Every structure is written in structure tokens, then in C-alpha cells.
């Protein structure tokens, strides 16, 4: 499936599993039920790890590849949990031409994760986004809504230190 491996262990509860099974039972007979089930599953768990995708596939008696295909096609679905501190780097045109790609690369290096992933301790998750509307501050990133502008790769470590 994916070459990325989630380094954060799955922590689903029996209560969450019961909620998911109830959702599946309520929706299984509706045409096109997979998307709404996956949306509700993500609301229950916060993301769609392989364990949840497998439950959905098994309960609907469909191939896991179909669930995974939907999960990876639509940007609304997250395959990895989000960290306590959610970092988003703008890779829109204004930010990118001013070096946001290098900032993003530095964050991946410092955190030891790739985009879309969460650090093993659950502290940080990293994502890219397209234009947050702060082009005058390019390149820009946010951490839980805090905006950092006019970034360079050498500023990354100091900013992360504020969240440790």
C-alpha cells in the first residue's frame, strides 16, 4: 500500500469500535455508503489508520484496497494522527518562490517525519497547504494557528523549541 509507516501506535477503544460498527450498520444499505462511513469513522477516531480501514472493509465485505483507494484519493481523509502541535507550511506560489520548500524540508529533517505524519511522541504533525492568505509574509507556516512569516530554514529549530 503506502511506503510510509505510521510510527504512532493505534489507540482505538472498544467504545470507538462499537460507534463505528453502529454507523456501518445504519448506513450499509444506502447506495454510496462508503464515503459517509469513512467520514464518520474519521470523526470518531480523528484519522483513518489501516486498522479502521480494515474494520470498514470487513464490515462492508469489500476489498481493503477500495477503502484505501478512497482514503488516499480525497484530501479530507488523514491516514495519520495529528500531533498536539499541528504544523502547516504554505507551499503556495508566493511562499514557494521565497523558499518555503526549503523550510518544509528542514522541518521534515528536524522532526524525523515526512509530510502528513506525526512524530512518534505525538507532539508534532506536519502538513503542507496552499496559500493561507499571508503572502506579504512569505514564506509562512502555522503551528496551531500561530503564524510565522519571513521564514528561513535556520529559524526552524528556534521556533520548534518554543513548543517543546
N, C-alpha and C. Protein backbone atom coordinates (compact mmCIF):
# COMPACT_ATOMS: atom_id res chain seq x y z
N UNK A 1 0.84 -1.19 0.00
CA UNK A 1 0.00 0.00 0.00
C UNK A 1 0.88 1.25 0.00
N UNK A 2 1.06 1.89 1.13
CA UNK A 2 1.85 3.10 1.20
C UNK A 2 3.24 2.78 1.71
N UNK A 3 4.24 3.54 1.26
CA UNK A 3 5.59 3.31 1.74
C UNK A 3 5.80 3.94 3.11
N UNK A 4 4.94 4.84 3.51
CA UNK A 4 5.04 5.44 4.83
C UNK A 4 4.51 4.47 5.87
N UNK A 5 5.14 4.48 7.01
CA UNK A 5 4.68 3.65 8.12
C UNK A 5 4.38 4.59 9.27
N UNK A 6 3.21 4.44 9.86
CA UNK A 6 2.83 5.29 10.97
C UNK A 6 3.62 4.87 12.20
N UNK A 7 4.35 5.81 12.78
CA UNK A 7 5.16 5.49 13.94
C UNK A 7 4.41 5.69 15.25
N UNK A 8 3.17 6.16 15.18
CA UNK A 8 2.35 6.33 16.37
C UNK A 8 1.42 5.12 16.47
N UNK A 9 1.48 4.38 17.57
CA UNK A 9 0.63 3.19 17.67
C UNK A 9 -0.86 3.54 17.69
N UNK A 10 -1.66 2.67 17.07
CA UNK A 10 -3.10 2.83 17.05
C UNK A 10 -3.65 2.64 18.46
N UNK A 11 -4.49 3.55 18.91
CA UNK A 11 -5.03 3.51 20.27
C UNK A 11 -6.55 3.52 20.28
N UNK A 12 -7.15 2.80 19.34
CA UNK A 12 -8.61 2.75 19.30
C UNK A 12 -9.17 2.01 20.50
N UNK A 13 -10.35 2.44 20.94
CA UNK A 13 -11.00 1.82 22.09
C UNK A 13 -12.16 0.94 21.63
N UNK A 14 -12.64 0.10 22.53
CA UNK A 14 -13.82 -0.73 22.24
C UNK A 14 -15.04 0.15 22.01
N UNK A 15 -15.12 1.28 22.71
CA UNK A 15 -16.24 2.21 22.54
C UNK A 15 -16.23 2.80 21.13
N UNK A 16 -15.04 3.18 20.65
CA UNK A 16 -14.94 3.72 19.30
C UNK A 16 -15.32 2.66 18.27
N UNK A 17 -14.87 1.44 18.49
CA UNK A 17 -15.20 0.35 17.57
C UNK A 17 -16.71 0.11 17.54
N UNK A 18 -17.33 0.16 18.70
CA UNK A 18 -18.79 -0.01 18.77
C UNK A 18 -19.50 1.13 18.03
N UNK A 19 -19.01 2.36 18.19
CA UNK A 19 -19.58 3.50 17.47
C UNK A 19 -19.47 3.30 15.96
N UNK A 20 -18.29 2.87 15.51
CA UNK A 20 -18.07 2.66 14.08
C UNK A 20 -18.99 1.57 13.55
N UNK A 21 -19.11 0.48 14.27
CA UNK A 21 -19.98 -0.61 13.81
C UNK A 21 -21.45 -0.16 13.75
N UNK A 22 -21.85 0.68 14.68
CA UNK A 22 -23.22 1.21 14.66
C UNK A 22 -23.44 2.09 13.42
N UNK A 23 -22.45 2.91 13.10
CA UNK A 23 -22.52 3.76 11.91
C UNK A 23 -22.63 2.89 10.66
N UNK A 24 -21.79 1.88 10.58
CA UNK A 24 -21.81 0.99 9.41
C UNK A 24 -23.16 0.31 9.29
N UNK A 25 -23.68 -0.19 10.41
CA UNK A 25 -25.00 -0.85 10.37
C UNK A 25 -26.11 0.10 9.93
N UNK A 26 -26.02 1.36 10.36
CA UNK A 26 -27.03 2.35 9.97
C UNK A 26 -26.97 2.69 8.49
N UNK A 27 -25.78 2.69 7.90
CA UNK A 27 -25.60 3.21 6.54
C UNK A 27 -25.37 2.14 5.47
N UNK A 28 -25.07 0.92 5.88
CA UNK A 28 -24.62 -0.11 4.92
C UNK A 28 -25.56 -0.35 3.75
N UNK A 29 -26.87 -0.16 3.93
CA UNK A 29 -27.83 -0.43 2.85
C UNK A 29 -28.05 0.76 1.93
N UNK A 30 -27.43 1.89 2.23
CA UNK A 30 -27.59 3.07 1.39
C UNK A 30 -26.59 3.01 0.22
N UNK A 31 -27.05 3.37 -0.93
CA UNK A 31 -26.16 3.44 -2.10
C UNK A 31 -25.09 4.50 -1.84
N UNK A 32 -23.86 4.18 -2.15
CA UNK A 32 -22.76 5.14 -1.94
C UNK A 32 -22.42 5.36 -0.49
N UNK A 33 -22.57 4.34 0.33
CA UNK A 33 -22.38 4.49 1.78
C UNK A 33 -20.92 4.61 2.21
N UNK A 34 -19.98 4.23 1.36
CA UNK A 34 -18.58 4.20 1.80
C UNK A 34 -18.06 5.56 2.25
N UNK A 35 -18.27 6.60 1.46
CA UNK A 35 -17.77 7.93 1.85
C UNK A 35 -18.36 8.40 3.18
N UNK A 36 -19.68 8.37 3.36
CA UNK A 36 -20.22 8.81 4.65
C UNK A 36 -19.71 7.97 5.83
N UNK A 37 -19.52 6.68 5.61
CA UNK A 37 -18.99 5.83 6.69
C UNK A 37 -17.56 6.25 7.02
N UNK A 38 -16.76 6.50 5.99
CA UNK A 38 -15.38 6.91 6.23
C UNK A 38 -15.30 8.27 6.90
N UNK A 39 -16.19 9.18 6.52
CA UNK A 39 -16.21 10.50 7.16
C UNK A 39 -16.56 10.37 8.64
N UNK A 40 -17.54 9.55 8.93
CA UNK A 40 -17.93 9.36 10.33
C UNK A 40 -16.84 8.61 11.10
N UNK A 41 -16.18 7.66 10.45
CA UNK A 41 -15.08 6.95 11.10
C UNK A 41 -13.96 7.91 11.46
N UNK A 42 -13.66 8.84 10.55
CA UNK A 42 -12.62 9.81 10.84
C UNK A 42 -13.04 10.74 11.98
N UNK A 43 -14.32 11.06 12.04
CA UNK A 43 -14.81 11.88 13.16
C UNK A 43 -14.67 11.13 14.49
N UNK A 44 -14.85 9.83 14.47
CA UNK A 44 -14.75 9.01 15.68
C UNK A 44 -13.29 8.88 16.12
N UNK A 45 -12.40 8.57 15.19
CA UNK A 45 -11.00 8.28 15.52
C UNK A 45 -10.05 9.46 15.33
N UNK A 46 -10.46 10.46 14.56
CA UNK A 46 -9.59 11.60 14.27
C UNK A 46 -8.76 11.41 13.01
N UNK A 47 -8.67 10.19 12.54
CA UNK A 47 -7.95 9.85 11.32
C UNK A 47 -8.37 8.45 10.91
N UNK A 48 -7.84 7.95 9.77
CA UNK A 48 -8.23 6.63 9.28
C UNK A 48 -7.02 5.70 9.18
N UNK A 49 -6.57 5.18 10.30
CA UNK A 49 -5.44 4.25 10.26
C UNK A 49 -5.86 2.95 9.56
N UNK A 50 -4.90 2.15 9.21
CA UNK A 50 -5.17 0.90 8.49
C UNK A 50 -6.11 0.00 9.29
N UNK A 51 -6.03 0.05 10.61
CA UNK A 51 -6.91 -0.77 11.45
C UNK A 51 -8.38 -0.39 11.25
N UNK A 52 -8.65 0.89 11.13
CA UNK A 52 -10.02 1.37 10.92
C UNK A 52 -10.47 1.06 9.50
N UNK A 53 -9.58 1.26 8.54
CA UNK A 53 -9.91 0.93 7.15
C UNK A 53 -10.24 -0.56 7.03
N UNK A 54 -9.50 -1.39 7.74
CA UNK A 54 -9.74 -2.83 7.72
C UNK A 54 -11.10 -3.17 8.32
N UNK A 55 -11.46 -2.52 9.43
CA UNK A 55 -12.78 -2.75 10.03
C UNK A 55 -13.89 -2.40 9.04
N UNK A 56 -13.74 -1.27 8.36
CA UNK A 56 -14.75 -0.83 7.39
C UNK A 56 -14.86 -1.86 6.26
N UNK A 57 -13.71 -2.26 5.72
CA UNK A 57 -13.71 -3.23 4.62
C UNK A 57 -14.35 -4.55 5.04
N UNK A 58 -13.97 -5.03 6.21
CA UNK A 58 -14.51 -6.30 6.71
C UNK A 58 -16.02 -6.22 6.93
N UNK A 59 -16.47 -5.15 7.56
CA UNK A 59 -17.90 -5.00 7.87
C UNK A 59 -18.75 -4.84 6.61
N UNK A 60 -18.19 -4.18 5.58
CA UNK A 60 -18.93 -3.98 4.34
C UNK A 60 -18.68 -5.10 3.32
N UNK A 61 -17.76 -6.00 3.69
CA UNK A 61 -17.40 -7.11 2.80
C UNK A 61 -16.92 -6.60 1.44
N UNK A 62 -16.03 -5.62 1.50
CA UNK A 62 -15.41 -5.08 0.29
C UNK A 62 -13.89 -5.18 0.45
N UNK A 63 -13.14 -5.12 -0.65
CA UNK A 63 -11.68 -5.19 -0.54
C UNK A 63 -11.11 -3.98 0.21
N UNK A 64 -10.11 -4.24 1.04
CA UNK A 64 -9.41 -3.17 1.75
C UNK A 64 -8.85 -2.16 0.76
N UNK A 65 -8.43 -2.62 -0.41
CA UNK A 65 -7.87 -1.72 -1.41
C UNK A 65 -8.87 -0.65 -1.84
N UNK A 66 -10.15 -0.97 -1.84
CA UNK A 66 -11.16 0.02 -2.22
C UNK A 66 -11.25 1.12 -1.16
N UNK A 67 -11.24 0.73 0.10
CA UNK A 67 -11.29 1.71 1.20
C UNK A 67 -10.02 2.57 1.16
N UNK A 68 -8.88 1.92 1.02
CA UNK A 68 -7.61 2.63 0.98
C UNK A 68 -7.57 3.59 -0.22
N UNK A 69 -8.08 3.16 -1.35
CA UNK A 69 -8.11 4.00 -2.54
C UNK A 69 -8.90 5.27 -2.32
N UNK A 70 -10.05 5.16 -1.67
CA UNK A 70 -10.86 6.34 -1.35
C UNK A 70 -10.13 7.22 -0.34
N UNK A 71 -9.53 6.59 0.68
CA UNK A 71 -8.84 7.35 1.74
C UNK A 71 -7.65 8.14 1.19
N UNK A 72 -6.97 7.60 0.20
CA UNK A 72 -5.81 8.29 -0.35
C UNK A 72 -6.16 9.24 -1.50
N UNK A 73 -7.32 9.06 -2.10
CA UNK A 73 -7.73 9.93 -3.21
C UNK A 73 -8.23 11.28 -2.71
N UNK A 74 -9.01 11.28 -1.64
CA UNK A 74 -9.63 12.50 -1.15
C UNK A 74 -8.81 13.15 -0.04
N UNK A 75 -8.51 14.44 -0.22
CA UNK A 75 -7.67 15.17 0.73
C UNK A 75 -8.31 15.30 2.11
N UNK A 76 -9.61 15.12 2.21
CA UNK A 76 -10.28 15.27 3.52
C UNK A 76 -9.91 14.17 4.50
N UNK A 77 -9.36 13.06 3.99
CA UNK A 77 -9.04 11.94 4.86
C UNK A 77 -7.57 11.97 5.27
N UNK A 78 -7.33 11.73 6.56
CA UNK A 78 -5.97 11.67 7.10
C UNK A 78 -5.65 10.23 7.48
N UNK A 79 -4.51 9.75 7.03
CA UNK A 79 -4.10 8.38 7.35
C UNK A 79 -3.27 8.31 8.62
N UNK A 80 -2.86 9.46 9.11
CA UNK A 80 -2.02 9.51 10.30
C UNK A 80 -2.65 10.46 11.32
N UNK A 81 -2.41 10.22 12.60
CA UNK A 81 -2.97 11.11 13.62
C UNK A 81 -2.33 12.49 13.54
N UNK A 82 -3.01 13.46 14.07
CA UNK A 82 -2.46 14.81 14.15
C UNK A 82 -1.78 14.97 15.50
N UNK A 83 -0.72 15.74 15.52
CA UNK A 83 0.04 15.96 16.74
C UNK A 83 -0.60 17.00 17.63
N UNK A 84 -0.08 17.09 18.84
CA UNK A 84 -0.51 18.14 19.77
C UNK A 84 -0.27 19.50 19.13
N UNK A 85 0.83 19.61 18.39
CA UNK A 85 1.15 20.84 17.66
C UNK A 85 1.11 20.52 16.17
N UNK A 86 0.15 21.11 15.48
CA UNK A 86 -0.05 20.85 14.05
C UNK A 86 0.62 21.94 13.23
N UNK A 87 1.67 21.53 12.52
CA UNK A 87 2.45 22.46 11.71
C UNK A 87 1.97 22.36 10.27
N UNK A 88 1.72 23.52 9.67
CA UNK A 88 1.32 23.57 8.27
C UNK A 88 2.19 24.60 7.56
N UNK A 89 2.88 24.16 6.53
CA UNK A 89 3.76 25.04 5.76
C UNK A 89 3.09 25.37 4.44
N UNK A 90 3.00 26.65 4.14
CA UNK A 90 2.40 27.07 2.88
C UNK A 90 3.37 26.80 1.73
N UNK A 91 2.89 26.04 0.75
CA UNK A 91 3.67 25.79 -0.45
C UNK A 91 3.02 26.44 -1.67
N UNK A 92 2.18 27.46 -1.40
CA UNK A 92 1.58 28.23 -2.48
C UNK A 92 2.67 29.00 -3.22
N UNK A 93 2.33 29.57 -4.35
CA UNK A 93 3.32 30.18 -5.24
C UNK A 93 4.19 31.22 -4.56
N UNK A 94 3.60 32.21 -3.89
CA UNK A 94 4.39 33.29 -3.28
C UNK A 94 5.36 32.73 -2.24
N UNK A 95 4.88 31.81 -1.42
CA UNK A 95 5.74 31.22 -0.39
C UNK A 95 6.81 30.32 -1.00
N UNK A 96 6.40 29.54 -2.00
CA UNK A 96 7.34 28.58 -2.59
C UNK A 96 8.51 29.28 -3.26
N UNK A 97 8.21 30.35 -4.02
CA UNK A 97 9.31 31.05 -4.72
C UNK A 97 10.24 31.76 -3.73
N UNK A 98 9.75 31.98 -2.50
CA UNK A 98 10.59 32.62 -1.48
C UNK A 98 11.23 31.60 -0.53
N UNK A 99 11.09 30.31 -0.85
CA UNK A 99 11.85 29.31 -0.10
C UNK A 99 11.10 28.42 0.87
N UNK A 100 9.77 28.37 0.79
CA UNK A 100 9.04 27.53 1.74
C UNK A 100 9.34 26.04 1.57
N UNK A 101 9.74 25.63 0.36
CA UNK A 101 10.12 24.23 0.15
C UNK A 101 11.31 23.85 1.00
N UNK A 102 12.27 24.77 1.14
CA UNK A 102 13.45 24.51 1.97
C UNK A 102 13.07 24.47 3.46
N UNK A 103 12.13 25.32 3.85
CA UNK A 103 11.65 25.32 5.24
C UNK A 103 10.95 23.99 5.53
N UNK A 104 10.12 23.55 4.60
CA UNK A 104 9.41 22.28 4.74
C UNK A 104 10.40 21.12 4.85
N UNK A 105 11.42 21.13 4.00
CA UNK A 105 12.45 20.08 4.06
C UNK A 105 13.17 20.09 5.41
N UNK A 106 13.47 21.27 5.93
CA UNK A 106 14.16 21.39 7.22
C UNK A 106 13.28 20.85 8.34
N UNK A 107 11.99 21.14 8.30
CA UNK A 107 11.06 20.62 9.31
C UNK A 107 11.01 19.09 9.26
N UNK A 108 10.96 18.53 8.06
CA UNK A 108 10.95 17.07 7.94
C UNK A 108 12.22 16.48 8.55
N UNK A 109 13.34 17.12 8.28
CA UNK A 109 14.62 16.65 8.81
C UNK A 109 14.65 16.76 10.35
N UNK A 110 14.28 17.90 10.88
CA UNK A 110 14.33 18.12 12.34
C UNK A 110 13.35 17.22 13.09
N UNK A 111 12.17 17.01 12.52
CA UNK A 111 11.14 16.21 13.19
C UNK A 111 11.29 14.72 12.91
N UNK A 112 12.02 14.37 11.87
CA UNK A 112 12.21 12.97 11.52
C UNK A 112 10.96 12.32 10.93
N UNK A 113 10.11 13.13 10.32
CA UNK A 113 8.88 12.63 9.70
C UNK A 113 8.74 13.27 8.32
N UNK A 114 7.83 12.72 7.52
CA UNK A 114 7.51 13.34 6.24
C UNK A 114 6.14 13.98 6.35
N UNK A 115 5.79 14.77 5.35
CA UNK A 115 4.50 15.44 5.36
C UNK A 115 3.36 14.47 5.53
N UNK A 116 2.39 14.86 6.35
CA UNK A 116 1.23 14.01 6.62
C UNK A 116 1.42 13.11 7.83
N UNK A 117 2.62 13.08 8.38
CA UNK A 117 2.90 12.20 9.50
C UNK A 117 2.95 12.95 10.82
N UNK A 118 3.03 12.16 11.88
CA UNK A 118 3.09 12.65 13.26
C UNK A 118 4.34 12.07 13.91
N UNK A 119 5.00 12.85 14.75
CA UNK A 119 6.17 12.33 15.45
C UNK A 119 5.76 11.20 16.40
N UNK A 120 6.65 10.25 16.65
CA UNK A 120 6.31 9.10 17.50
C UNK A 120 5.77 9.47 18.88
N UNK A 121 6.18 10.62 19.41
CA UNK A 121 5.69 11.03 20.73
C UNK A 121 4.34 11.74 20.66
N UNK A 122 3.80 11.92 19.43
CA UNK A 122 2.50 12.55 19.26
C UNK A 122 2.53 14.06 19.43
N UNK A 123 3.71 14.63 19.52
CA UNK A 123 3.83 16.06 19.79
C UNK A 123 3.60 16.93 18.53
N UNK A 124 4.21 16.54 17.41
CA UNK A 124 4.13 17.35 16.20
C UNK A 124 3.58 16.55 15.02
N UNK A 125 2.76 17.20 14.20
CA UNK A 125 2.41 16.64 12.89
C UNK A 125 2.73 17.72 11.87
N UNK A 126 3.01 17.29 10.65
CA UNK A 126 3.47 18.21 9.61
C UNK A 126 2.64 18.02 8.35
N UNK A 127 2.16 19.11 7.81
CA UNK A 127 1.42 19.10 6.56
C UNK A 127 1.83 20.29 5.72
N UNK A 128 1.58 20.17 4.43
CA UNK A 128 1.74 21.29 3.51
C UNK A 128 0.36 21.81 3.18
N UNK A 129 0.27 23.09 2.87
CA UNK A 129 -1.01 23.66 2.45
C UNK A 129 -0.76 24.60 1.29
N UNK A 130 -1.82 25.06 0.70
CA UNK A 130 -1.73 26.01 -0.42
C UNK A 130 -2.32 27.34 0.03
N UNK A 131 -1.54 28.36 0.05
CA UNK A 131 -1.92 29.74 0.34
C UNK A 131 -2.84 29.91 1.54
N UNK A 132 -2.29 30.53 2.57
CA UNK A 132 -3.10 30.84 3.76
C UNK A 132 -3.48 32.32 3.79
N UNK A 133 -3.13 33.04 2.72
CA UNK A 133 -3.53 34.44 2.61
C UNK A 133 -2.61 35.41 3.32
N UNK A 134 -1.37 34.99 3.56
CA UNK A 134 -0.40 35.87 4.21
C UNK A 134 0.81 36.04 3.29
N UNK A 135 0.55 36.26 2.01
CA UNK A 135 1.61 36.31 1.00
C UNK A 135 2.65 37.38 1.28
N UNK A 136 2.27 38.46 1.92
CA UNK A 136 3.21 39.53 2.27
C UNK A 136 4.25 39.09 3.28
N UNK A 137 3.97 37.98 4.00
CA UNK A 137 4.90 37.44 4.99
C UNK A 137 5.67 36.23 4.47
N UNK A 138 5.53 35.94 3.18
CA UNK A 138 6.11 34.72 2.61
C UNK A 138 7.61 34.61 2.88
N UNK A 139 8.05 33.36 3.12
CA UNK A 139 7.31 32.12 3.31
C UNK A 139 6.72 32.01 4.72
N UNK A 140 5.58 31.32 4.80
CA UNK A 140 4.79 31.27 6.03
C UNK A 140 4.51 29.83 6.45
N UNK A 141 4.43 29.64 7.78
CA UNK A 141 3.91 28.38 8.33
C UNK A 141 3.06 28.73 9.54
N UNK A 142 2.18 27.80 9.91
CA UNK A 142 1.39 27.97 11.12
C UNK A 142 1.64 26.78 12.02
N UNK A 143 1.55 27.04 13.31
CA UNK A 143 1.58 25.98 14.32
C UNK A 143 0.36 26.24 15.20
N UNK A 144 -0.63 25.36 15.09
CA UNK A 144 -1.90 25.52 15.82
C UNK A 144 -2.46 26.92 15.67
N UNK A 145 -2.38 27.48 14.49
CA UNK A 145 -2.96 28.78 14.24
C UNK A 145 -2.01 29.95 14.46
N UNK A 146 -0.88 29.73 15.15
CA UNK A 146 0.12 30.79 15.29
C UNK A 146 0.86 30.92 13.96
N UNK A 147 0.93 32.15 13.42
CA UNK A 147 1.53 32.37 12.11
C UNK A 147 2.98 32.82 12.27
N UNK A 148 3.86 32.17 11.50
CA UNK A 148 5.28 32.53 11.45
C UNK A 148 5.61 32.89 10.02
N UNK A 149 6.10 34.11 9.81
CA UNK A 149 6.39 34.58 8.47
C UNK A 149 7.84 34.93 8.26
N UNK A 150 8.15 35.21 6.99
CA UNK A 150 9.51 35.55 6.56
C UNK A 150 10.51 34.51 7.06
N UNK A 151 10.11 33.25 6.88
CA UNK A 151 10.89 32.13 7.39
C UNK A 151 12.12 31.81 6.54
N UNK A 152 13.10 31.25 7.21
CA UNK A 152 14.25 30.63 6.57
C UNK A 152 14.49 29.32 7.29
N UNK A 153 15.16 28.38 6.64
CA UNK A 153 15.40 27.09 7.31
C UNK A 153 16.12 27.22 8.65
N UNK A 154 17.00 28.22 8.78
CA UNK A 154 17.74 28.35 10.04
C UNK A 154 16.88 28.87 11.19
N UNK A 155 15.65 29.33 10.94
CA UNK A 155 14.75 29.77 12.01
C UNK A 155 13.90 28.62 12.57
N UNK A 156 13.88 27.49 11.87
CA UNK A 156 13.00 26.37 12.23
C UNK A 156 13.28 25.85 13.63
N UNK A 157 14.54 25.58 13.94
CA UNK A 157 14.87 24.99 15.24
C UNK A 157 14.44 25.88 16.40
N UNK A 158 14.65 27.17 16.30
CA UNK A 158 14.26 28.11 17.35
C UNK A 158 12.76 28.16 17.55
N UNK A 159 12.02 28.10 16.46
CA UNK A 159 10.55 28.11 16.56
C UNK A 159 10.07 26.83 17.21
N UNK A 160 10.59 25.68 16.80
CA UNK A 160 10.18 24.40 17.39
C UNK A 160 10.49 24.36 18.88
N UNK A 161 11.58 25.00 19.30
CA UNK A 161 11.97 25.00 20.71
C UNK A 161 10.89 25.64 21.60
N UNK A 162 10.12 26.56 21.03
CA UNK A 162 9.03 27.19 21.79
C UNK A 162 7.91 26.22 22.13
N UNK A 163 7.87 25.08 21.45
CA UNK A 163 6.78 24.13 21.63
C UNK A 163 7.23 22.84 22.32
N UNK A 164 8.45 22.74 22.72
CA UNK A 164 8.95 21.52 23.36
C UNK A 164 8.61 21.53 24.78
